[in-house]
């Protein structure tokens, strides 16, 4: 969904990388944020975007982002 969807993958991966680095960011209402939420990688909680769970954080890490950022 993230890599093959309608949104530009590089923008989605950049937002996801930012959340991984900072652990949470202020929630934004962008197509990229919506894709990450719908994919299950991020959740919106108390006005912040956060990684949904630790397993996702371990699997979909910085190396995964680098490998898939075309």
N, C-alpha and C. Protein backbone atom coordinates (compact mmCIF):
# COMPACT_ATOMS: atom_id res chain seq x y z
N UNK A 1 0.82 -1.19 0.00
CA UNK A 1 0.00 0.00 0.00
C UNK A 1 0.87 1.26 0.00
N UNK A 2 1.90 1.24 0.78
CA UNK A 2 2.76 2.43 0.90
C UNK A 2 3.56 2.66 -0.37
N UNK A 3 4.12 1.60 -0.91
CA UNK A 3 5.02 1.74 -2.05
C UNK A 3 4.30 1.73 -3.39
N UNK A 4 3.08 1.23 -3.44
CA UNK A 4 2.35 1.10 -4.70
C UNK A 4 1.08 1.93 -4.76
N UNK A 5 0.83 2.75 -3.75
CA UNK A 5 -0.41 3.52 -3.69
C UNK A 5 -0.38 4.75 -4.57
N UNK A 6 -1.36 5.60 -4.37
CA UNK A 6 -1.50 6.80 -5.18
C UNK A 6 -0.54 7.90 -4.78
N UNK A 7 -0.11 7.92 -3.52
CA UNK A 7 0.82 8.94 -3.04
C UNK A 7 2.24 8.60 -3.46
N UNK A 8 3.06 9.63 -3.55
CA UNK A 8 4.46 9.44 -3.92
C UNK A 8 5.21 8.74 -2.78
N UNK A 9 5.76 7.56 -3.03
CA UNK A 9 6.42 6.79 -1.96
C UNK A 9 7.51 7.55 -1.23
N UNK A 10 8.27 8.38 -1.93
CA UNK A 10 9.37 9.10 -1.27
C UNK A 10 8.84 10.06 -0.20
N UNK A 11 7.68 10.66 -0.44
CA UNK A 11 7.08 11.56 0.55
C UNK A 11 6.55 10.78 1.76
N UNK A 12 5.96 9.62 1.49
CA UNK A 12 5.46 8.78 2.58
C UNK A 12 6.62 8.30 3.43
N UNK A 13 7.69 7.82 2.78
CA UNK A 13 8.84 7.31 3.51
C UNK A 13 9.55 8.42 4.28
N UNK A 14 9.58 9.64 3.75
CA UNK A 14 10.19 10.76 4.46
C UNK A 14 9.42 11.07 5.75
N UNK A 15 8.11 11.06 5.66
CA UNK A 15 7.29 11.31 6.86
C UNK A 15 7.48 10.19 7.87
N UNK A 16 7.48 8.96 7.40
CA UNK A 16 7.67 7.82 8.30
C UNK A 16 9.05 7.87 8.96
N UNK A 17 10.08 8.23 8.20
CA UNK A 17 11.44 8.36 8.76
C UNK A 17 11.46 9.41 9.87
N UNK A 18 10.76 10.51 9.66
CA UNK A 18 10.70 11.57 10.66
C UNK A 18 10.06 11.06 11.96
N UNK A 19 8.99 10.31 11.83
CA UNK A 19 8.33 9.76 13.02
C UNK A 19 9.25 8.76 13.71
N UNK A 20 9.94 7.91 12.95
CA UNK A 20 10.88 6.96 13.55
C UNK A 20 11.98 7.67 14.33
N UNK A 21 12.52 8.73 13.78
CA UNK A 21 13.62 9.44 14.41
C UNK A 21 13.18 10.17 15.68
N UNK A 22 12.02 10.80 15.62
CA UNK A 22 11.57 11.64 16.74
C UNK A 22 10.64 10.91 17.71
N UNK A 23 10.23 9.69 17.37
CA UNK A 23 9.30 8.86 18.14
C UNK A 23 7.85 9.35 18.04
N UNK A 24 7.63 10.61 17.81
CA UNK A 24 6.29 11.14 17.55
C UNK A 24 6.44 12.54 16.96
N UNK A 25 5.47 12.93 16.16
CA UNK A 25 5.42 14.29 15.62
C UNK A 25 3.98 14.77 15.73
N UNK A 26 3.82 16.07 15.69
CA UNK A 26 2.46 16.62 15.70
C UNK A 26 1.70 16.08 14.50
N UNK A 27 0.48 15.69 14.75
CA UNK A 27 -0.35 15.11 13.69
C UNK A 27 -0.57 16.13 12.58
N UNK A 28 -0.43 15.66 11.36
CA UNK A 28 -0.71 16.47 10.17
C UNK A 28 -1.76 15.74 9.36
N UNK A 29 -2.56 16.51 8.66
CA UNK A 29 -3.60 15.89 7.82
C UNK A 29 -3.16 16.01 6.37
N UNK A 30 -2.33 15.06 5.97
CA UNK A 30 -1.83 15.03 4.60
C UNK A 30 -2.16 13.66 4.00
N UNK A 31 -2.14 13.55 2.69
CA UNK A 31 -2.36 12.23 2.08
C UNK A 31 -1.33 11.20 2.55
N UNK A 32 -0.08 11.65 2.75
CA UNK A 32 0.97 10.74 3.20
C UNK A 32 0.68 10.21 4.60
N UNK A 33 0.27 11.09 5.50
CA UNK A 33 -0.07 10.67 6.86
C UNK A 33 -1.25 9.71 6.85
N UNK A 34 -2.25 10.01 6.03
CA UNK A 34 -3.41 9.12 5.95
C UNK A 34 -3.02 7.74 5.45
N UNK A 35 -2.13 7.67 4.46
CA UNK A 35 -1.68 6.37 3.95
C UNK A 35 -0.96 5.58 5.03
N UNK A 36 -0.12 6.24 5.80
CA UNK A 36 0.61 5.55 6.86
C UNK A 36 -0.32 5.07 7.96
N UNK A 37 -1.36 5.84 8.24
CA UNK A 37 -2.35 5.43 9.24
C UNK A 37 -3.18 4.26 8.70
N UNK A 38 -3.64 4.37 7.46
CA UNK A 38 -4.44 3.30 6.87
C UNK A 38 -3.65 2.01 6.70
N UNK A 39 -2.35 2.13 6.47
CA UNK A 39 -1.51 0.94 6.33
C UNK A 39 -1.26 0.25 7.67
N UNK A 40 -1.49 0.97 8.75
CA UNK A 40 -1.28 0.41 10.07
C UNK A 40 0.08 0.72 10.66
N UNK A 41 0.96 1.40 9.92
CA UNK A 41 2.28 1.71 10.45
C UNK A 41 2.23 2.80 11.52
N UNK A 42 1.36 3.78 11.34
CA UNK A 42 1.25 4.88 12.30
C UNK A 42 -0.14 4.92 12.91
N UNK A 43 -0.21 5.52 14.08
CA UNK A 43 -1.49 5.83 14.69
C UNK A 43 -1.49 7.31 15.04
N UNK A 44 -2.67 7.86 15.11
CA UNK A 44 -2.85 9.24 15.56
C UNK A 44 -3.38 9.14 16.98
N UNK A 45 -2.63 9.71 17.92
CA UNK A 45 -2.99 9.57 19.33
C UNK A 45 -2.69 10.89 20.03
N UNK A 46 -3.70 11.48 20.62
CA UNK A 46 -3.58 12.72 21.38
C UNK A 46 -2.87 13.82 20.59
N UNK A 47 -3.22 13.92 19.32
CA UNK A 47 -2.67 14.98 18.48
C UNK A 47 -1.28 14.71 17.91
N UNK A 48 -0.80 13.48 18.06
CA UNK A 48 0.52 13.12 17.55
C UNK A 48 0.43 11.89 16.66
N UNK A 49 1.37 11.79 15.74
CA UNK A 49 1.55 10.59 14.94
C UNK A 49 2.66 9.78 15.58
N UNK A 50 2.41 8.49 15.79
CA UNK A 50 3.38 7.60 16.43
C UNK A 50 3.39 6.28 15.67
N UNK A 51 4.51 5.55 15.80
CA UNK A 51 4.58 4.21 15.23
C UNK A 51 3.57 3.35 15.98
N UNK A 52 2.82 2.54 15.24
CA UNK A 52 1.71 1.78 15.82
C UNK A 52 2.16 0.78 16.87
N UNK A 53 3.22 0.04 16.61
CA UNK A 53 3.72 -0.89 17.63
C UNK A 53 5.20 -1.17 17.42
N UNK A 54 5.85 -1.75 18.44
CA UNK A 54 7.28 -1.98 18.40
C UNK A 54 7.69 -2.99 17.34
N UNK A 55 6.85 -3.94 17.05
CA UNK A 55 7.18 -4.92 16.02
C UNK A 55 7.31 -4.23 14.67
N UNK A 56 6.36 -3.35 14.35
CA UNK A 56 6.45 -2.60 13.10
C UNK A 56 7.72 -1.76 13.07
N UNK A 57 8.06 -1.16 14.21
CA UNK A 57 9.24 -0.31 14.28
C UNK A 57 10.52 -1.12 14.01
N UNK A 58 10.55 -2.36 14.47
CA UNK A 58 11.71 -3.22 14.24
C UNK A 58 11.80 -3.69 12.79
N UNK A 59 10.66 -4.00 12.20
CA UNK A 59 10.65 -4.50 10.82
C UNK A 59 10.78 -3.36 9.81
N UNK A 60 9.96 -2.36 9.97
CA UNK A 60 9.95 -1.22 9.05
C UNK A 60 10.85 -0.13 9.64
N UNK A 61 12.16 -0.40 9.62
CA UNK A 61 13.14 0.48 10.24
C UNK A 61 13.83 1.35 9.19
N UNK A 62 14.91 2.02 9.61
CA UNK A 62 15.62 2.92 8.69
C UNK A 62 16.21 2.16 7.50
N UNK A 63 16.67 0.94 7.72
CA UNK A 63 17.22 0.15 6.61
C UNK A 63 16.13 -0.17 5.58
N UNK A 64 14.94 -0.51 6.07
CA UNK A 64 13.82 -0.78 5.17
C UNK A 64 13.47 0.46 4.37
N UNK A 65 13.48 1.61 5.02
CA UNK A 65 13.19 2.87 4.33
C UNK A 65 14.22 3.10 3.22
N UNK A 66 15.51 2.94 3.57
CA UNK A 66 16.58 3.15 2.58
C UNK A 66 16.44 2.18 1.40
N UNK A 67 16.12 0.93 1.69
CA UNK A 67 15.97 -0.08 0.63
C UNK A 67 14.81 0.22 -0.30
N UNK A 68 13.77 0.87 0.21
CA UNK A 68 12.56 1.09 -0.59
C UNK A 68 12.39 2.50 -1.08
N UNK A 69 13.30 3.38 -0.76
CA UNK A 69 13.21 4.77 -1.20
C UNK A 69 13.85 4.88 -2.58
N UNK A 70 13.00 4.93 -3.60
CA UNK A 70 13.47 4.94 -5.00
C UNK A 70 13.69 6.34 -5.47
